[in-house]
């Protein structure tokens, strides 16, 4: 399927919104970015509370609006914008903070724990922004990652198709054992991708 292409549409919406934000928050873009984060989270929380207190039939439109707003991860893109702004305007400070290897370890462990529970997307966004700043400022170079970086968008778009093919083949083979299924699935998906 093409279910992953929803993120492309969210990015396009953000790119349409981004110039307006920069135009109106020209002197203090960080304030505009923080406002995006706070307003987005506040509106989603408010709609969730309202939705919880309305009768089922009346809350359908609110439920749809809430779901759409939750899927539009503007706050995560604003976190990326803040990271870029920090690097552009406070580069020396960012480099000094990012040069700490223990800090990198802490960020990676925090991301790992957050990904295991997948609790709060905002925490993941901040963690990944810190990780990207670490990589950019340290100019960390890992050849396999550089190669994947060159083809990552193609991998992103074709990966679900590879998953579909692998699961269809595994189902047709009648593999019932969980370990074998996982081994075939992960191996096949990685191989096709």
N, C-alpha and C. Protein backbone atom coordinates (compact mmCIF):
# COMPACT_ATOMS: atom_id res chain seq x y z
N UNK A 1 0.81 -1.19 0.00
CA UNK A 1 0.00 0.00 0.00
C UNK A 1 0.86 1.26 0.00
N UNK A 2 0.18 2.35 0.04
CA UNK A 2 0.86 3.65 0.08
C UNK A 2 0.48 4.41 1.35
N UNK A 3 0.21 3.66 2.41
CA UNK A 3 -0.22 4.30 3.65
C UNK A 3 0.81 5.26 4.22
N UNK A 4 2.08 5.03 3.90
CA UNK A 4 3.13 5.91 4.42
C UNK A 4 3.13 7.27 3.75
N UNK A 5 2.44 7.42 2.64
CA UNK A 5 2.48 8.69 1.93
C UNK A 5 1.70 9.79 2.65
N UNK A 6 0.98 9.44 3.74
CA UNK A 6 0.31 10.48 4.51
C UNK A 6 1.32 11.48 5.04
N UNK A 7 2.53 11.01 5.40
CA UNK A 7 3.53 11.91 5.96
C UNK A 7 4.01 12.92 4.92
N UNK A 8 4.02 12.50 3.65
CA UNK A 8 4.41 13.42 2.58
C UNK A 8 3.40 14.57 2.51
N UNK A 9 2.12 14.24 2.64
CA UNK A 9 1.10 15.30 2.59
C UNK A 9 1.21 16.23 3.79
N UNK A 10 1.54 15.68 4.96
CA UNK A 10 1.73 16.53 6.15
C UNK A 10 2.92 17.45 5.94
N UNK A 11 4.00 16.92 5.37
CA UNK A 11 5.16 17.76 5.07
C UNK A 11 4.79 18.89 4.12
N UNK A 12 4.03 18.57 3.10
CA UNK A 12 3.63 19.60 2.13
C UNK A 12 2.80 20.69 2.81
N UNK A 13 1.91 20.29 3.72
CA UNK A 13 1.12 21.28 4.45
C UNK A 13 2.02 22.16 5.31
N UNK A 14 3.01 21.54 5.94
CA UNK A 14 3.94 22.31 6.77
C UNK A 14 4.74 23.28 5.92
N UNK A 15 5.18 22.84 4.75
CA UNK A 15 5.95 23.72 3.87
C UNK A 15 5.11 24.89 3.38
N UNK A 16 3.81 24.69 3.24
CA UNK A 16 2.92 25.80 2.86
C UNK A 16 2.77 26.79 4.02
N UNK A 17 2.82 26.26 5.24
CA UNK A 17 2.63 27.06 6.44
C UNK A 17 3.93 27.75 6.88
N UNK A 18 5.06 27.10 6.66
CA UNK A 18 6.37 27.55 7.13
C UNK A 18 6.73 28.98 6.71
N UNK A 19 6.57 29.36 5.42
CA UNK A 19 6.92 30.73 5.04
C UNK A 19 6.08 31.79 5.78
N UNK A 20 4.82 31.48 6.03
CA UNK A 20 3.98 32.43 6.78
C UNK A 20 4.50 32.61 8.19
N UNK A 21 4.87 31.50 8.81
CA UNK A 21 5.42 31.57 10.16
C UNK A 21 6.69 32.42 10.18
N UNK A 22 7.58 32.18 9.24
CA UNK A 22 8.82 32.95 9.21
C UNK A 22 8.59 34.42 8.90
N UNK A 23 7.58 34.70 8.09
CA UNK A 23 7.28 36.10 7.75
C UNK A 23 6.76 36.86 8.97
N UNK A 24 5.87 36.23 9.74
CA UNK A 24 5.27 36.93 10.87
C UNK A 24 6.13 36.86 12.13
N UNK A 25 7.04 35.91 12.19
CA UNK A 25 7.92 35.80 13.35
C UNK A 25 9.36 36.03 12.90
N UNK A 26 9.55 37.02 12.04
CA UNK A 26 10.86 37.25 11.41
C UNK A 26 11.96 37.52 12.45
N UNK A 27 11.66 38.36 13.44
CA UNK A 27 12.69 38.72 14.41
C UNK A 27 12.93 37.64 15.44
N UNK A 28 11.89 36.85 15.71
CA UNK A 28 12.01 35.79 16.72
C UNK A 28 11.37 34.50 16.20
N UNK A 29 11.99 33.84 15.24
CA UNK A 29 11.39 32.62 14.69
C UNK A 29 11.23 31.52 15.73
N UNK A 30 12.11 31.49 16.71
CA UNK A 30 12.00 30.47 17.76
C UNK A 30 10.69 30.62 18.52
N UNK A 31 10.23 31.86 18.68
CA UNK A 31 8.98 32.09 19.39
C UNK A 31 7.80 31.57 18.56
N UNK A 32 7.85 31.78 17.27
CA UNK A 32 6.81 31.23 16.39
C UNK A 32 6.79 29.72 16.41
N UNK A 33 7.98 29.10 16.41
CA UNK A 33 8.06 27.65 16.45
C UNK A 33 7.54 27.10 17.78
N UNK A 34 7.91 27.77 18.88
CA UNK A 34 7.37 27.35 20.17
C UNK A 34 5.85 27.51 20.21
N UNK A 35 5.35 28.58 19.61
CA UNK A 35 3.90 28.80 19.56
C UNK A 35 3.21 27.67 18.80
N UNK A 36 3.80 27.22 17.70
CA UNK A 36 3.22 26.10 16.94
C UNK A 36 3.11 24.88 17.83
N UNK A 37 4.17 24.59 18.57
CA UNK A 37 4.18 23.41 19.44
C UNK A 37 3.10 23.53 20.52
N UNK A 38 3.09 24.65 21.22
CA UNK A 38 2.16 24.84 22.33
C UNK A 38 0.71 24.87 21.84
N UNK A 39 0.44 25.61 20.77
CA UNK A 39 -0.92 25.71 20.25
C UNK A 39 -1.41 24.35 19.75
N UNK A 40 -0.57 23.65 19.01
CA UNK A 40 -0.98 22.34 18.48
C UNK A 40 -1.32 21.39 19.61
N UNK A 41 -0.45 21.29 20.60
CA UNK A 41 -0.69 20.38 21.72
C UNK A 41 -1.91 20.83 22.51
N UNK A 42 -2.04 22.14 22.74
CA UNK A 42 -3.18 22.67 23.49
C UNK A 42 -4.51 22.41 22.79
N UNK A 43 -4.56 22.63 21.49
CA UNK A 43 -5.80 22.41 20.74
C UNK A 43 -6.18 20.92 20.76
N UNK A 44 -5.20 20.05 20.56
CA UNK A 44 -5.48 18.61 20.58
C UNK A 44 -6.00 18.19 21.95
N UNK A 45 -5.37 18.66 23.01
CA UNK A 45 -5.82 18.30 24.38
C UNK A 45 -7.23 18.84 24.64
N UNK A 46 -7.48 20.08 24.23
CA UNK A 46 -8.81 20.67 24.42
C UNK A 46 -9.87 19.88 23.66
N UNK A 47 -9.61 19.55 22.41
CA UNK A 47 -10.57 18.77 21.64
C UNK A 47 -10.79 17.39 22.24
N UNK A 48 -9.75 16.79 22.79
CA UNK A 48 -9.89 15.48 23.42
C UNK A 48 -10.79 15.57 24.65
N UNK A 49 -10.63 16.61 25.45
CA UNK A 49 -11.49 16.80 26.63
C UNK A 49 -12.93 17.03 26.19
N UNK A 50 -13.13 17.92 25.22
CA UNK A 50 -14.49 18.18 24.72
C UNK A 50 -15.12 16.91 24.16
N UNK A 51 -14.35 16.17 23.40
CA UNK A 51 -14.83 14.95 22.78
C UNK A 51 -15.26 13.93 23.83
N UNK A 52 -14.53 13.88 24.94
CA UNK A 52 -14.85 12.92 25.99
C UNK A 52 -16.16 13.26 26.71
N UNK A 53 -16.58 14.51 26.65
CA UNK A 53 -17.77 14.94 27.38
C UNK A 53 -19.01 15.12 26.51
N UNK A 54 -18.88 14.90 25.22
CA UNK A 54 -20.04 15.02 24.33
C UNK A 54 -20.69 13.66 24.12
N UNK A 55 -22.01 13.65 23.86
CA UNK A 55 -22.66 12.37 23.54
C UNK A 55 -22.07 11.81 22.25
N UNK A 56 -22.13 10.51 22.10
CA UNK A 56 -21.50 9.84 20.96
C UNK A 56 -21.90 10.40 19.61
N UNK A 57 -23.12 10.57 19.33
CA UNK A 57 -23.58 11.04 18.03
C UNK A 57 -23.09 12.44 17.69
N UNK A 58 -22.99 13.29 18.68
CA UNK A 58 -22.59 14.68 18.44
C UNK A 58 -21.08 14.85 18.33
N UNK A 59 -20.34 13.87 18.77
CA UNK A 59 -18.89 14.04 18.80
C UNK A 59 -18.19 13.47 17.57
N UNK A 60 -18.94 12.98 16.58
CA UNK A 60 -18.32 12.35 15.41
C UNK A 60 -17.41 13.32 14.65
N UNK A 61 -17.91 14.52 14.37
CA UNK A 61 -17.09 15.50 13.65
C UNK A 61 -15.86 15.90 14.47
N UNK A 62 -16.07 16.02 15.77
CA UNK A 62 -14.96 16.36 16.66
C UNK A 62 -13.92 15.24 16.69
N UNK A 63 -14.40 14.00 16.67
CA UNK A 63 -13.49 12.85 16.64
C UNK A 63 -12.65 12.86 15.38
N UNK A 64 -13.26 13.16 14.25
CA UNK A 64 -12.54 13.22 12.98
C UNK A 64 -11.51 14.36 13.00
N UNK A 65 -11.93 15.53 13.48
CA UNK A 65 -11.01 16.67 13.57
C UNK A 65 -9.84 16.35 14.49
N UNK A 66 -10.13 15.70 15.61
CA UNK A 66 -9.08 15.34 16.55
C UNK A 66 -8.09 14.37 15.92
N UNK A 67 -8.62 13.39 15.22
CA UNK A 67 -7.75 12.39 14.57
C UNK A 67 -6.86 13.05 13.52
N UNK A 68 -7.44 13.96 12.72
CA UNK A 68 -6.64 14.66 11.71
C UNK A 68 -5.54 15.50 12.35
N UNK A 69 -5.90 16.23 13.40
CA UNK A 69 -4.90 17.06 14.07
C UNK A 69 -3.79 16.22 14.70
N UNK A 70 -4.17 15.07 15.25
CA UNK A 70 -3.16 14.20 15.84
C UNK A 70 -2.19 13.68 14.78
N UNK A 71 -2.69 13.39 13.60
CA UNK A 71 -1.86 12.86 12.52
C UNK A 71 -0.98 13.94 11.88
N UNK A 72 -1.38 15.18 11.98
CA UNK A 72 -0.57 16.28 11.43
C UNK A 72 0.47 16.65 12.47
N UNK A 73 1.64 16.16 12.31
CA UNK A 73 2.69 16.31 13.31
C UNK A 73 3.46 17.62 13.15
N UNK A 74 2.72 18.73 13.08
CA UNK A 74 3.38 20.03 12.95
C UNK A 74 4.34 20.29 14.10
N UNK A 75 3.97 19.85 15.30
CA UNK A 75 4.83 20.12 16.45
C UNK A 75 6.19 19.42 16.30
N UNK A 76 6.21 18.26 15.66
CA UNK A 76 7.48 17.57 15.46
C UNK A 76 8.33 18.28 14.42
N UNK A 77 7.68 18.80 13.38
CA UNK A 77 8.43 19.56 12.38
C UNK A 77 8.92 20.89 12.97
N UNK A 78 8.14 21.46 13.88
CA UNK A 78 8.57 22.69 14.55
C UNK A 78 9.77 22.40 15.45
N UNK A 79 9.82 21.22 16.07
CA UNK A 79 10.99 20.84 16.87
C UNK A 79 12.21 20.77 15.96
N UNK A 80 12.06 20.19 14.78
CA UNK A 80 13.16 20.17 13.81
C UNK A 80 13.57 21.57 13.41
N UNK A 81 12.58 22.46 13.22
CA UNK A 81 12.87 23.85 12.90
C UNK A 81 13.63 24.54 14.02
N UNK A 82 13.24 24.26 15.26
CA UNK A 82 13.96 24.83 16.41
C UNK A 82 15.40 24.32 16.47
N UNK A 83 15.58 23.04 16.18
CA UNK A 83 16.95 22.49 16.17
C UNK A 83 17.79 23.18 15.10
N UNK A 84 17.22 23.38 13.92
CA UNK A 84 17.95 24.06 12.85
C UNK A 84 18.25 25.50 13.23
N UNK A 85 17.29 26.18 13.86
CA UNK A 85 17.49 27.57 14.29
C UNK A 85 18.60 27.62 15.34
N UNK A 86 18.58 26.69 16.29
CA UNK A 86 19.63 26.67 17.32
C UNK A 86 21.01 26.47 16.69
N UNK A 87 21.09 25.56 15.74
CA UNK A 87 22.38 25.31 15.08
C UNK A 87 22.84 26.54 14.30
N UNK A 88 21.91 27.22 13.63
CA UNK A 88 22.28 28.40 12.82
C UNK A 88 22.64 29.61 13.67
N UNK A 89 21.98 29.77 14.81
CA UNK A 89 22.19 30.99 15.60
C UNK A 89 23.03 30.79 16.85
N UNK A 90 23.07 29.57 17.34
CA UNK A 90 23.81 29.27 18.56
C UNK A 90 24.72 28.05 18.33
N UNK A 91 25.37 28.06 17.17
CA UNK A 91 26.16 26.91 16.75
C UNK A 91 27.23 26.49 17.73
N UNK A 92 27.95 27.46 18.32
CA UNK A 92 29.03 27.12 19.25
C UNK A 92 28.48 26.41 20.48
N UNK A 93 27.37 26.90 21.00
CA UNK A 93 26.75 26.27 22.17
C UNK A 93 26.27 24.86 21.83
N UNK A 94 25.62 24.71 20.68
CA UNK A 94 25.12 23.39 20.27
C UNK A 94 26.28 22.42 20.10
N UNK A 95 27.36 22.88 19.48
CA UNK A 95 28.53 22.01 19.28
C UNK A 95 29.15 21.60 20.60
N UNK A 96 29.21 22.54 21.54
CA UNK A 96 29.78 22.22 22.85
C UNK A 96 28.91 21.18 23.57
N UNK A 97 27.60 21.36 23.53
CA UNK A 97 26.70 20.39 24.17
C UNK A 97 26.73 19.04 23.46
N UNK A 98 26.80 19.08 22.13
CA UNK A 98 26.76 17.85 21.35
C UNK A 98 28.07 17.08 21.38
N UNK A 99 29.15 17.71 21.83
CA UNK A 99 30.44 17.01 21.83
C UNK A 99 30.55 16.02 22.99
N UNK A 100 29.61 16.04 23.88
CA UNK A 100 29.61 15.16 25.03
C UNK A 100 29.10 13.78 24.62
N UNK A 101 29.98 12.79 24.62
CA UNK A 101 29.61 11.42 24.22
C UNK A 101 28.60 10.80 25.19
N UNK A 102 28.69 11.17 26.47
CA UNK A 102 27.72 10.66 27.44
C UNK A 102 26.34 11.20 27.13
N UNK A 103 26.29 12.44 26.63
CA UNK A 103 25.01 13.02 26.22
C UNK A 103 24.40 12.24 25.07
N UNK A 104 25.25 11.84 24.11
CA UNK A 104 24.77 11.03 23.00
C UNK A 104 24.23 9.70 23.49
N UNK A 105 24.94 9.09 24.42
CA UNK A 105 24.47 7.83 24.99
C UNK A 105 23.13 8.01 25.69
N UNK A 106 23.00 9.10 26.45
CA UNK A 106 21.74 9.38 27.15
C UNK A 106 20.59 9.58 26.16
N UNK A 107 20.86 10.32 25.08
CA UNK A 107 19.83 10.54 24.06
C UNK A 107 19.42 9.21 23.42
N UNK A 108 20.40 8.39 23.07
CA UNK A 108 20.11 7.09 22.44
C UNK A 108 19.32 6.18 23.37
N UNK A 109 19.71 6.14 24.65
CA UNK A 109 18.98 5.31 25.61
C UNK A 109 17.55 5.81 25.81
N UNK A 110 17.39 7.13 25.88
CA UNK A 110 16.05 7.72 26.03
C UNK A 110 15.19 7.40 24.81
N UNK A 111 15.77 7.54 23.63
CA UNK A 111 15.03 7.21 22.40
C UNK A 111 14.66 5.74 22.38
N UNK A 112 15.60 4.88 22.75
CA UNK A 112 15.31 3.45 22.77
C UNK A 112 14.17 3.12 23.71
N UNK A 113 14.20 3.70 24.91
CA UNK A 113 13.12 3.45 25.87
C UNK A 113 11.79 4.00 25.36
N UNK A 114 11.83 5.19 24.77
CA UNK A 114 10.59 5.79 24.26
C UNK A 114 10.04 4.98 23.09
N UNK A 115 10.92 4.45 22.25
CA UNK A 115 10.46 3.67 21.11
C UNK A 115 9.89 2.32 21.55
N UNK A 116 10.44 1.75 22.62
CA UNK A 116 9.91 0.49 23.11
C UNK A 116 8.47 0.65 23.60
N UNK A 117 8.20 1.75 24.26
CA UNK A 117 6.86 2.00 24.76
C UNK A 117 6.03 2.81 23.78
N UNK A 118 6.68 3.52 22.87
CA UNK A 118 6.07 4.47 21.94
C UNK A 118 5.02 5.30 22.65
N UNK A 119 5.47 5.95 23.71
CA UNK A 119 4.55 6.66 24.56
C UNK A 119 4.21 8.06 24.05
N UNK A 120 5.17 8.90 23.90
CA UNK A 120 4.90 10.30 23.60
C UNK A 120 5.69 10.74 22.37
N UNK A 121 4.99 11.03 21.27
CA UNK A 121 5.69 11.46 20.06
C UNK A 121 6.55 12.71 20.28
N UNK A 122 6.14 13.58 21.17
CA UNK A 122 6.91 14.79 21.44
C UNK A 122 8.29 14.44 22.01
N UNK A 123 8.34 13.46 22.91
CA UNK A 123 9.62 13.00 23.46
C UNK A 123 10.49 12.42 22.36
N UNK A 124 9.89 11.64 21.47
CA UNK A 124 10.64 11.08 20.35
C UNK A 124 11.17 12.20 19.45
N UNK A 125 10.35 13.22 19.21
CA UNK A 125 10.77 14.34 18.36
C UNK A 125 11.97 15.08 18.94
N UNK A 126 11.92 15.36 20.23
CA UNK A 126 13.04 16.05 20.88
C UNK A 126 14.27 15.16 20.86
N UNK A 127 14.09 13.88 21.14
CA UNK A 127 15.21 12.95 21.13
C UNK A 127 15.87 12.84 19.77
N UNK A 128 15.06 12.71 18.72
CA UNK A 128 15.62 12.61 17.37
C UNK A 128 16.27 13.93 16.95
N UNK A 129 15.70 15.06 17.36
CA UNK A 129 16.34 16.35 17.05
C UNK A 129 17.71 16.43 17.70
N UNK A 130 17.82 15.98 18.96
CA UNK A 130 19.12 15.96 19.64
C UNK A 130 20.09 15.03 18.93
N UNK A 131 19.61 13.88 18.50
CA UNK A 131 20.46 12.93 17.80
C UNK A 131 20.96 13.50 16.46
N UNK A 132 20.06 14.16 15.73
CA UNK A 132 20.46 14.77 14.46
C UNK A 132 21.48 15.88 14.70
N UNK A 133 21.27 16.70 15.72
CA UNK A 133 22.24 17.76 16.04
C UNK A 133 23.59 17.14 16.40
N UNK A 134 23.56 16.04 17.13
CA UNK A 134 24.81 15.35 17.49
C UNK A 134 25.54 14.89 16.23
N UNK A 135 24.81 14.27 15.32
CA UNK A 135 25.42 13.75 14.10
C UNK A 135 25.95 14.89 13.23
N UNK A 136 25.16 15.95 13.09
CA UNK A 136 25.56 17.07 12.23
C UNK A 136 26.78 17.80 12.80
N UNK A 137 26.76 18.06 14.10
CA UNK A 137 27.87 18.83 14.68
C UNK A 137 29.14 18.02 14.79
N UNK A 138 29.03 16.73 14.99
CA UNK A 138 30.22 15.89 15.11
C UNK A 138 30.66 15.35 13.76
N UNK A 139 29.85 15.59 12.75
CA UNK A 139 30.12 15.07 11.41
C UNK A 139 30.43 13.58 11.46
N UNK A 140 29.56 12.88 12.20
CA UNK A 140 29.73 11.44 12.31
C UNK A 140 29.50 10.82 10.94
N UNK A 141 30.40 9.98 10.55
CA UNK A 141 30.33 9.39 9.22
C UNK A 141 30.36 7.88 9.34
N UNK A 142 29.27 7.27 8.99
CA UNK A 142 29.18 5.82 8.95
C UNK A 142 28.78 5.44 7.54
N UNK A 143 29.68 4.82 6.82
CA UNK A 143 29.45 4.53 5.40
C UNK A 143 28.11 3.85 5.12
N UNK A 144 27.72 2.81 5.88
CA UNK A 144 26.42 2.20 5.58
C UNK A 144 25.27 3.19 5.72
N UNK A 145 25.35 4.07 6.72
CA UNK A 145 24.29 5.06 6.90
C UNK A 145 24.28 6.08 5.78
N UNK A 146 25.46 6.44 5.28
CA UNK A 146 25.51 7.37 4.15
C UNK A 146 24.83 6.77 2.93
N UNK A 147 25.07 5.50 2.69
CA UNK A 147 24.44 4.81 1.55
C UNK A 147 22.92 4.77 1.73
N UNK A 148 22.48 4.41 2.91
CA UNK A 148 21.04 4.37 3.18
C UNK A 148 20.44 5.77 3.05
N UNK A 149 21.19 6.79 3.48
CA UNK A 149 20.71 8.16 3.36
C UNK A 149 20.45 8.57 1.92
N UNK A 150 21.24 8.05 1.00
CA UNK A 150 21.05 8.39 -0.42
C UNK A 150 19.80 7.74 -1.01
N UNK A 151 19.42 6.61 -0.45
CA UNK A 151 18.27 5.89 -1.01
C UNK A 151 17.08 5.85 -0.05
N UNK A 152 17.15 6.60 1.05
CA UNK A 152 16.16 6.45 2.12
C UNK A 152 14.73 6.76 1.68
N UNK A 153 14.53 7.74 0.82
CA UNK A 153 13.16 8.05 0.41
C UNK A 153 12.56 6.89 -0.39
N UNK A 154 13.36 6.31 -1.26
CA UNK A 154 12.88 5.15 -2.01
C UNK A 154 12.56 3.99 -1.09
N UNK A 155 13.44 3.77 -0.10
CA UNK A 155 13.18 2.72 0.88
C UNK A 155 11.87 3.01 1.62
N UNK A 156 11.69 4.25 2.01
CA UNK A 156 10.49 4.66 2.74
C UNK A 156 9.23 4.39 1.93
N UNK A 157 9.26 4.68 0.65
CA UNK A 157 8.07 4.52 -0.18
C UNK A 157 7.83 3.07 -0.61
N UNK A 158 8.88 2.29 -0.83
CA UNK A 158 8.72 0.92 -1.32
C UNK A 158 8.69 -0.13 -0.22
N UNK A 159 9.10 0.25 0.97
CA UNK A 159 9.17 -0.71 2.08
C UNK A 159 7.83 -1.39 2.36
N UNK A 160 6.70 -0.67 2.44
CA UNK A 160 5.42 -1.35 2.68
C UNK A 160 5.05 -2.36 1.59
N UNK A 161 5.41 -2.06 0.35
CA UNK A 161 5.15 -3.02 -0.73
C UNK A 161 5.96 -4.30 -0.50
N UNK A 162 7.21 -4.15 -0.08
CA UNK A 162 8.05 -5.31 0.22
C UNK A 162 7.45 -6.11 1.38
N UNK A 163 6.92 -5.41 2.38
CA UNK A 163 6.27 -6.09 3.50
C UNK A 163 5.06 -6.88 3.02
N UNK A 164 4.25 -6.27 2.19
CA UNK A 164 3.06 -6.94 1.66
C UNK A 164 3.44 -8.22 0.93
N UNK A 165 4.44 -8.15 0.07
CA UNK A 165 4.88 -9.32 -0.70
C UNK A 165 5.38 -10.41 0.24
N UNK A 166 6.23 -10.04 1.19
CA UNK A 166 6.78 -11.04 2.12
C UNK A 166 5.69 -11.71 2.95
N UNK A 167 4.77 -10.93 3.48
CA UNK A 167 3.70 -11.53 4.28
C UNK A 167 2.80 -12.43 3.44
N UNK A 168 2.55 -12.04 2.19
CA UNK A 168 1.75 -12.88 1.31
C UNK A 168 2.45 -14.21 1.05
N UNK A 169 3.74 -14.17 0.79
CA UNK A 169 4.50 -15.41 0.53
C UNK A 169 4.52 -16.28 1.79
N UNK A 170 4.79 -15.68 2.94
CA UNK A 170 4.85 -16.44 4.19
C UNK A 170 3.50 -17.07 4.49
N UNK A 171 2.43 -16.34 4.28
CA UNK A 171 1.08 -16.89 4.51
C UNK A 171 0.79 -18.04 3.55
N UNK A 172 1.20 -17.91 2.29
CA UNK A 172 0.98 -18.98 1.31
C UNK A 172 1.82 -20.22 1.63
N UNK A 173 2.98 -20.02 2.26
CA UNK A 173 3.81 -21.16 2.66
C UNK A 173 3.22 -21.89 3.86
N UNK A 174 2.33 -21.24 4.57
CA UNK A 174 1.69 -21.86 5.73
C UNK A 174 2.58 -21.96 6.94
N UNK A 175 3.53 -21.06 7.07
CA UNK A 175 4.44 -21.08 8.22
C UNK A 175 3.67 -20.62 9.45
N UNK A 176 3.64 -21.49 10.48
CA UNK A 176 2.86 -21.18 11.68
C UNK A 176 3.74 -20.78 12.85
N UNK A 177 4.96 -21.31 12.91
CA UNK A 177 5.86 -21.03 14.03
C UNK A 177 6.23 -19.55 14.05
N UNK A 178 6.04 -18.91 15.21
CA UNK A 178 6.29 -17.47 15.34
C UNK A 178 7.71 -17.05 15.03
N UNK A 179 8.70 -17.82 15.55
CA UNK A 179 10.09 -17.48 15.31
C UNK A 179 10.44 -17.60 13.83
N UNK A 180 9.96 -18.65 13.21
CA UNK A 180 10.25 -18.86 11.79
C UNK A 180 9.59 -17.77 10.95
N UNK A 181 8.34 -17.45 11.30
CA UNK A 181 7.63 -16.36 10.59
C UNK A 181 8.42 -15.05 10.68
N UNK A 182 8.84 -14.72 11.90
CA UNK A 182 9.58 -13.47 12.10
C UNK A 182 10.90 -13.48 11.35
N UNK A 183 11.61 -14.61 11.42
CA UNK A 183 12.89 -14.71 10.72
C UNK A 183 12.69 -14.54 9.22
N UNK A 184 11.69 -15.22 8.66
CA UNK A 184 11.41 -15.09 7.23
C UNK A 184 10.94 -13.67 6.89
N UNK A 185 10.09 -13.12 7.73
CA UNK A 185 9.56 -11.78 7.47
C UNK A 185 10.67 -10.73 7.49
N UNK A 186 11.44 -10.69 8.56
CA UNK A 186 12.49 -9.68 8.68
C UNK A 186 13.57 -9.87 7.61
N UNK A 187 13.96 -11.14 7.40
CA UNK A 187 14.97 -11.41 6.38
C UNK A 187 14.47 -11.06 4.98
N UNK A 188 13.25 -11.46 4.68
CA UNK A 188 12.68 -11.20 3.35
C UNK A 188 12.46 -9.72 3.11
N UNK A 189 11.93 -9.03 4.11
CA UNK A 189 11.67 -7.60 3.96
C UNK A 189 12.99 -6.83 3.79
N UNK A 190 13.97 -7.18 4.63
CA UNK A 190 15.27 -6.50 4.52
C UNK A 190 15.92 -6.80 3.18
N UNK A 191 15.80 -8.03 2.72
CA UNK A 191 16.39 -8.42 1.44
C UNK A 191 15.73 -7.71 0.26
N UNK A 192 14.42 -7.67 0.27
CA UNK A 192 13.71 -7.01 -0.84
C UNK A 192 13.91 -5.50 -0.82
N UNK A 193 13.92 -4.93 0.37
CA UNK A 193 14.06 -3.48 0.48
C UNK A 193 15.45 -3.10 0.07
